[in-house]
């Protein structure tokens, strides 16, 4: 039986995300300080674990 795809959990902002999702909190804390600061400055645009990863990857690649 194939696995069901679960809908991406969305939160109000970065702070709600890292408060509610231990995996997101751990990932966020593992990022370099400059990446954490950049993400925090756009907290309202980070509302899921997936968006956190995507934004962090863009920052570390220099795409933003």
PDB file of N, CA and C in Angstrom:
ATOM      1  N   UNK A   1       0.845  -1.182   0.000  1.00  0.00           N
ATOM      2  CA  UNK A   1       0.000   0.000   0.000  1.00  0.00           C
ATOM      3  C   UNK A   1       0.895   1.252   0.000  1.00  0.00           C
ATOM      4  N   UNK A   2       0.705   2.182  -0.937  1.00  0.00           N
ATOM      5  CA  UNK A   2       1.546   3.384  -0.993  1.00  0.00           C
ATOM      6  C   UNK A   2       1.297   4.299   0.191  1.00  0.00           C
ATOM      7  N   UNK A   3       2.357   5.017   0.561  1.00  0.00           N
ATOM      8  CA  UNK A   3       2.225   5.969   1.661  1.00  0.00           C
ATOM      9  C   UNK A   3       1.381   7.147   1.222  1.00  0.00           C
ATOM     10  N   UNK A   4       0.567   7.629   2.133  1.00  0.00           N
ATOM     11  CA  UNK A   4      -0.217   8.817   1.852  1.00  0.00           C
ATOM     12  C   UNK A   4       0.641  10.051   2.015  1.00  0.00           C
ATOM     13  N   UNK A   5       0.450  10.996   1.167  1.00  0.00           N
ATOM     14  CA  UNK A   5       1.152  12.267   1.312  1.00  0.00           C
ATOM     15  C   UNK A   5       0.383  13.109   2.316  1.00  0.00           C
ATOM     16  N   UNK A   6       1.081  13.617   3.269  1.00  0.00           N
ATOM     17  CA  UNK A   6       0.428  14.475   4.240  1.00  0.00           C
ATOM     18  C   UNK A   6       0.596  15.915   3.811  1.00  0.00           C
ATOM     19  N   UNK A   7      -0.397  16.705   4.124  1.00  0.00           N
ATOM     20  CA  UNK A   7      -0.334  18.125   3.784  1.00  0.00           C
ATOM     21  C   UNK A   7       0.748  18.800   4.617  1.00  0.00           C
ATOM     22  N   UNK A   8       1.404  19.759   4.016  1.00  0.00           N
ATOM     23  CA  UNK A   8       2.451  20.499   4.703  1.00  0.00           C
ATOM     24  C   UNK A   8       1.814  21.314   5.831  1.00  0.00           C
ATOM     25  N   UNK A   9       2.317  21.137   7.039  1.00  0.00           N
ATOM     26  CA  UNK A   9       1.812  21.887   8.193  1.00  0.00           C
ATOM     27  C   UNK A   9       2.258  23.344   8.072  1.00  0.00           C
ATOM     28  N   UNK A  10       1.303  24.258   8.166  1.00  0.00           N
ATOM     29  CA  UNK A  10       1.629  25.684   8.077  1.00  0.00           C
ATOM     30  C   UNK A  10       1.378  26.348   9.425  1.00  0.00           C
ATOM     31  N   UNK A  11       2.205  27.337   9.715  1.00  0.00           N
ATOM     32  CA  UNK A  11       2.127  28.090  10.955  1.00  0.00           C
ATOM     33  C   UNK A  11       1.993  29.570  10.628  1.00  0.00           C
ATOM     34  N   UNK A  12       1.727  30.390  11.628  1.00  0.00           N
ATOM     35  CA  UNK A  12       1.565  31.823  11.405  1.00  0.00           C
ATOM     36  C   UNK A  12       2.859  32.493  10.980  1.00  0.00           C
ATOM     37  N   UNK A  13       3.975  32.044  11.559  1.00  0.00           N
ATOM     38  CA  UNK A  13       5.269  32.652  11.258  1.00  0.00           C
ATOM     39  C   UNK A  13       6.386  31.749  11.756  1.00  0.00           C
ATOM     40  N   UNK A  14       7.607  32.202  11.588  1.00  0.00           N
ATOM     41  CA  UNK A  14       8.776  31.435  12.012  1.00  0.00           C
ATOM     42  C   UNK A  14       8.707  31.073  13.486  1.00  0.00           C
ATOM     43  N   UNK A  15       8.308  32.018  14.311  1.00  0.00           N
ATOM     44  CA  UNK A  15       8.317  31.793  15.754  1.00  0.00           C
ATOM     45  C   UNK A  15       7.300  30.734  16.165  1.00  0.00           C
ATOM     46  N   UNK A  16       6.129  30.729  15.544  1.00  0.00           N
ATOM     47  CA  UNK A  16       5.141  29.675  15.805  1.00  0.00           C
ATOM     48  C   UNK A  16       5.669  28.327  15.332  1.00  0.00           C
ATOM     49  N   UNK A  17       6.347  28.343  14.192  1.00  0.00           N
ATOM     50  CA  UNK A  17       6.910  27.114  13.633  1.00  0.00           C
ATOM     51  C   UNK A  17       7.921  26.494  14.579  1.00  0.00           C
ATOM     52  N   UNK A  18       8.926  27.277  14.997  1.00  0.00           N
ATOM     53  CA  UNK A  18       9.985  26.672  15.820  1.00  0.00           C
ATOM     54  C   UNK A  18       9.510  26.364  17.236  1.00  0.00           C
ATOM     55  N   UNK A  19       8.453  27.035  17.676  1.00  0.00           N
ATOM     56  CA  UNK A  19       7.891  26.720  18.992  1.00  0.00           C
ATOM     57  C   UNK A  19       7.104  25.408  18.949  1.00  0.00           C
ATOM     58  N   UNK A  20       6.484  25.112  17.810  1.00  0.00           N
ATOM     59  CA  UNK A  20       5.609  23.950  17.698  1.00  0.00           C
ATOM     60  C   UNK A  20       6.272  22.719  17.087  1.00  0.00           C
ATOM     61  N   UNK A  21       7.352  22.914  16.345  1.00  0.00           N
ATOM     62  CA  UNK A  21       7.978  21.808  15.621  1.00  0.00           C
ATOM     63  C   UNK A  21       9.433  21.652  16.067  1.00  0.00           C
ATOM     64  N   UNK A  22       9.706  20.666  16.921  1.00  0.00           N
ATOM     65  CA  UNK A  22      11.074  20.484  17.421  1.00  0.00           C
ATOM     66  C   UNK A  22      12.108  20.290  16.316  1.00  0.00           C
ATOM     67  N   UNK A  23      11.721  19.639  15.228  1.00  0.00           N
ATOM     68  CA  UNK A  23      12.646  19.419  14.114  1.00  0.00           C
ATOM     69  C   UNK A  23      13.015  20.761  13.466  1.00  0.00           C
ATOM     70  N   UNK A  24      12.054  21.631  13.306  1.00  0.00           N
ATOM     71  CA  UNK A  24      12.314  22.962  12.733  1.00  0.00           C
ATOM     72  C   UNK A  24      13.178  23.783  13.676  1.00  0.00           C
ATOM     73  N   UNK A  25      12.906  23.699  14.966  1.00  0.00           N
ATOM     74  CA  UNK A  25      13.695  24.437  15.959  1.00  0.00           C
ATOM     75  C   UNK A  25      15.153  23.975  15.925  1.00  0.00           C
ATOM     76  N   UNK A  26      15.362  22.676  15.893  1.00  0.00           N
ATOM     77  CA  UNK A  26      16.721  22.131  15.852  1.00  0.00           C
ATOM     78  C   UNK A  26      17.442  22.568  14.578  1.00  0.00           C
ATOM     79  N   UNK A  27      16.743  22.520  13.449  1.00  0.00           N
ATOM     80  CA  UNK A  27      17.342  22.933  12.186  1.00  0.00           C
ATOM     81  C   UNK A  27      17.700  24.418  12.235  1.00  0.00           C
ATOM     82  N   UNK A  28      16.784  25.242  12.692  1.00  0.00           N
ATOM     83  CA  UNK A  28      17.023  26.681  12.761  1.00  0.00           C
ATOM     84  C   UNK A  28      18.241  26.987  13.633  1.00  0.00           C
ATOM     85  N   UNK A  29      18.338  26.337  14.783  1.00  0.00           N
ATOM     86  CA  UNK A  29      19.455  26.572  15.702  1.00  0.00           C
ATOM     87  C   UNK A  29      20.792  26.074  15.141  1.00  0.00           C
ATOM     88  N   UNK A  30      20.740  25.165  14.188  1.00  0.00           N
ATOM     89  CA  UNK A  30      21.974  24.641  13.589  1.00  0.00           C
ATOM     90  C   UNK A  30      22.534  25.565  12.502  1.00  0.00           C
ATOM     91  N   UNK A  31      21.756  26.535  12.085  1.00  0.00           N
ATOM     92  CA  UNK A  31      22.177  27.437  11.006  1.00  0.00           C
ATOM     93  C   UNK A  31      23.164  28.484  11.514  1.00  0.00           C
ATOM     94  N   UNK A  32      24.027  28.966  10.630  1.00  0.00           N
ATOM     95  CA  UNK A  32      24.939  30.047  11.027  1.00  0.00           C
ATOM     96  C   UNK A  32      24.147  31.281  11.472  1.00  0.00           C
ATOM     97  N   UNK A  33      24.747  32.074  12.339  1.00  0.00           N
ATOM     98  CA  UNK A  33      24.074  33.244  12.890  1.00  0.00           C
ATOM     99  C   UNK A  33      23.534  34.195  11.843  1.00  0.00           C
ATOM    100  N   UNK A  34      24.312  34.450  10.780  1.00  0.00           N
ATOM    101  CA  UNK A  34      23.846  35.388   9.754  1.00  0.00           C
ATOM    102  C   UNK A  34      22.604  34.872   9.034  1.00  0.00           C
ATOM    103  N   UNK A  35      22.486  33.546   8.896  1.00  0.00           N
ATOM    104  CA  UNK A  35      21.311  32.954   8.252  1.00  0.00           C
ATOM    105  C   UNK A  35      20.110  33.058   9.194  1.00  0.00           C
ATOM    106  N   UNK A  36      20.334  32.780  10.481  1.00  0.00           N
ATOM    107  CA  UNK A  36      19.256  32.927  11.458  1.00  0.00           C
ATOM    108  C   UNK A  36      18.730  34.361  11.473  1.00  0.00           C
ATOM    109  N   UNK A  37      19.635  35.330  11.436  1.00  0.00           N
ATOM    110  CA  UNK A  37      19.228  36.736  11.459  1.00  0.00           C
ATOM    111  C   UNK A  37      18.421  37.092  10.210  1.00  0.00           C
ATOM    112  N   UNK A  38      18.885  36.650   9.051  1.00  0.00           N
ATOM    113  CA  UNK A  38      18.176  36.948   7.808  1.00  0.00           C
ATOM    114  C   UNK A  38      16.785  36.324   7.803  1.00  0.00           C
ATOM    115  N   UNK A  39      16.693  35.089   8.267  1.00  0.00           N
ATOM    116  CA  UNK A  39      15.391  34.418   8.315  1.00  0.00           C
ATOM    117  C   UNK A  39      14.485  35.108   9.325  1.00  0.00           C
ATOM    118  N   UNK A  40      15.025  35.471  10.471  1.00  0.00           N
ATOM    119  CA  UNK A  40      14.234  36.149  11.501  1.00  0.00           C
ATOM    120  C   UNK A  40      13.687  37.479  11.005  1.00  0.00           C
ATOM    121  N   UNK A  41      14.441  38.154  10.134  1.00  0.00           N
ATOM    122  CA  UNK A  41      13.981  39.442   9.623  1.00  0.00           C
ATOM    123  C   UNK A  41      12.806  39.284   8.661  1.00  0.00           C
ATOM    124  N   UNK A  42      12.588  38.082   8.177  1.00  0.00           N
ATOM    125  CA  UNK A  42      11.455  37.779   7.286  1.00  0.00           C
ATOM    126  C   UNK A  42      10.559  36.715   7.918  1.00  0.00           C
ATOM    127  N   UNK A  43      10.419  36.767   9.243  1.00  0.00           N
ATOM    128  CA  UNK A  43       9.725  35.718   9.996  1.00  0.00           C
ATOM    129  C   UNK A  43       8.316  35.428   9.492  1.00  0.00           C
ATOM    130  N   UNK A  44       7.604  36.442   9.049  1.00  0.00           N
ATOM    131  CA  UNK A  44       6.223  36.219   8.613  1.00  0.00           C
ATOM    132  C   UNK A  44       6.150  35.408   7.321  1.00  0.00           C
ATOM    133  N   UNK A  45       7.234  35.354   6.566  1.00  0.00           N
ATOM    134  CA  UNK A  45       7.246  34.602   5.322  1.00  0.00           C
ATOM    135  C   UNK A  45       7.694  33.160   5.467  1.00  0.00           C
ATOM    136  N   UNK A  46       8.077  32.776   6.678  1.00  0.00           N
ATOM    137  CA  UNK A  46       8.529  31.406   6.932  1.00  0.00           C
ATOM    138  C   UNK A  46       7.458  30.743   7.791  1.00  0.00           C
ATOM    139  N   UNK A  47       6.616  29.918   7.138  1.00  0.00           N
ATOM    140  CA  UNK A  47       5.468  29.366   7.858  1.00  0.00           C
ATOM    141  C   UNK A  47       5.379  27.844   7.818  1.00  0.00           C
ATOM    142  N   UNK A  48       6.460  27.195   7.365  1.00  0.00           N
ATOM    143  CA  UNK A  48       6.484  25.732   7.351  1.00  0.00           C
ATOM    144  C   UNK A  48       7.933  25.272   7.420  1.00  0.00           C
ATOM    145  N   UNK A  49       8.119  24.021   7.790  1.00  0.00           N
ATOM    146  CA  UNK A  49       9.461  23.450   7.836  1.00  0.00           C
ATOM    147  C   UNK A  49      10.087  23.507   6.447  1.00  0.00           C
ATOM    148  N   UNK A  50       9.292  23.211   5.440  1.00  0.00           N
ATOM    149  CA  UNK A  50       9.790  23.221   4.066  1.00  0.00           C
ATOM    150  C   UNK A  50      10.231  24.617   3.649  1.00  0.00           C
ATOM    151  N   UNK A  51       9.459  25.646   4.020  1.00  0.00           N
ATOM    152  CA  UNK A  51       9.848  27.002   3.635  1.00  0.00           C
ATOM    153  C   UNK A  51      11.090  27.455   4.402  1.00  0.00           C
ATOM    154  N   UNK A  52      11.255  26.979   5.616  1.00  0.00           N
ATOM    155  CA  UNK A  52      12.461  27.277   6.392  1.00  0.00           C
ATOM    156  C   UNK A  52      13.688  26.706   5.694  1.00  0.00           C
ATOM    157  N   UNK A  53      13.616  25.464   5.285  1.00  0.00           N
ATOM    158  CA  UNK A  53      14.739  24.817   4.603  1.00  0.00           C
ATOM    159  C   UNK A  53      15.044  25.523   3.275  1.00  0.00           C
ATOM    160  N   UNK A  54      14.017  25.797   2.514  1.00  0.00           N
ATOM    161  CA  UNK A  54      14.204  26.450   1.212  1.00  0.00           C
ATOM    162  C   UNK A  54      14.870  27.808   1.370  1.00  0.00           C
ATOM    163  N   UNK A  55      14.388  28.602   2.310  1.00  0.00           N
ATOM    164  CA  UNK A  55      14.947  29.940   2.515  1.00  0.00           C
ATOM    165  C   UNK A  55      16.399  29.855   2.998  1.00  0.00           C
ATOM    166  N   UNK A  56      16.663  28.956   3.933  1.00  0.00           N
ATOM    167  CA  UNK A  56      18.026  28.792   4.450  1.00  0.00           C
ATOM    168  C   UNK A  56      18.978  28.349   3.339  1.00  0.00           C
ATOM    169  N   UNK A  57      18.542  27.434   2.491  1.00  0.00           N
ATOM    170  CA  UNK A  57      19.391  26.962   1.400  1.00  0.00           C
ATOM    171  C   UNK A  57      19.692  28.089   0.417  1.00  0.00           C
ATOM    172  N   UNK A  58      18.701  28.920   0.124  1.00  0.00           N
ATOM    173  CA  UNK A  58      18.926  30.059  -0.780  1.00  0.00           C
ATOM    174  C   UNK A  58      19.920  31.042  -0.170  1.00  0.00           C
ATOM    175  N   UNK A  59      19.797  31.273   1.115  1.00  0.00           N
ATOM    176  CA  UNK A  59      20.717  32.201   1.788  1.00  0.00           C
ATOM    177  C   UNK A  59      22.137  31.673   1.783  1.00  0.00           C
ATOM    178  N   UNK A  60      22.308  30.393   2.061  1.00  0.00           N
ATOM    179  CA  UNK A  60      23.659  29.841   2.130  1.00  0.00           C
ATOM    180  C   UNK A  60      24.292  29.692   0.746  1.00  0.00           C
ATOM    181  N   UNK A  61      23.471  29.614  -0.290  1.00  0.00           N
ATOM    182  CA  UNK A  61      23.987  29.561  -1.664  1.00  0.00           C
ATOM    183  C   UNK A  61      24.251  30.954  -2.205  1.00  0.00           C
ATOM    184  N   UNK A  62      23.721  31.962  -1.522  1.00  0.00           N
ATOM    185  CA  UNK A  62      23.890  33.335  -1.988  1.00  0.00           C
ATOM    186  C   UNK A  62      22.860  33.745  -3.020  1.00  0.00           C
ATOM    187  N   UNK A  63      21.759  33.009  -3.098  1.00  0.00           N
ATOM    188  CA  UNK A  63      20.706  33.333  -4.066  1.00  0.00           C
ATOM    189  C   UNK A  63      19.855  34.520  -3.635  1.00  0.00           C
ATOM    190  N   UNK A  64      19.942  34.884  -2.376  1.00  0.00           N
ATOM    191  CA  UNK A  64      19.132  36.016  -1.874  1.00  0.00           C
ATOM    192  C   UNK A  64      20.022  37.140  -1.434  1.00  0.00           C
TER     193      UNK A  64
END
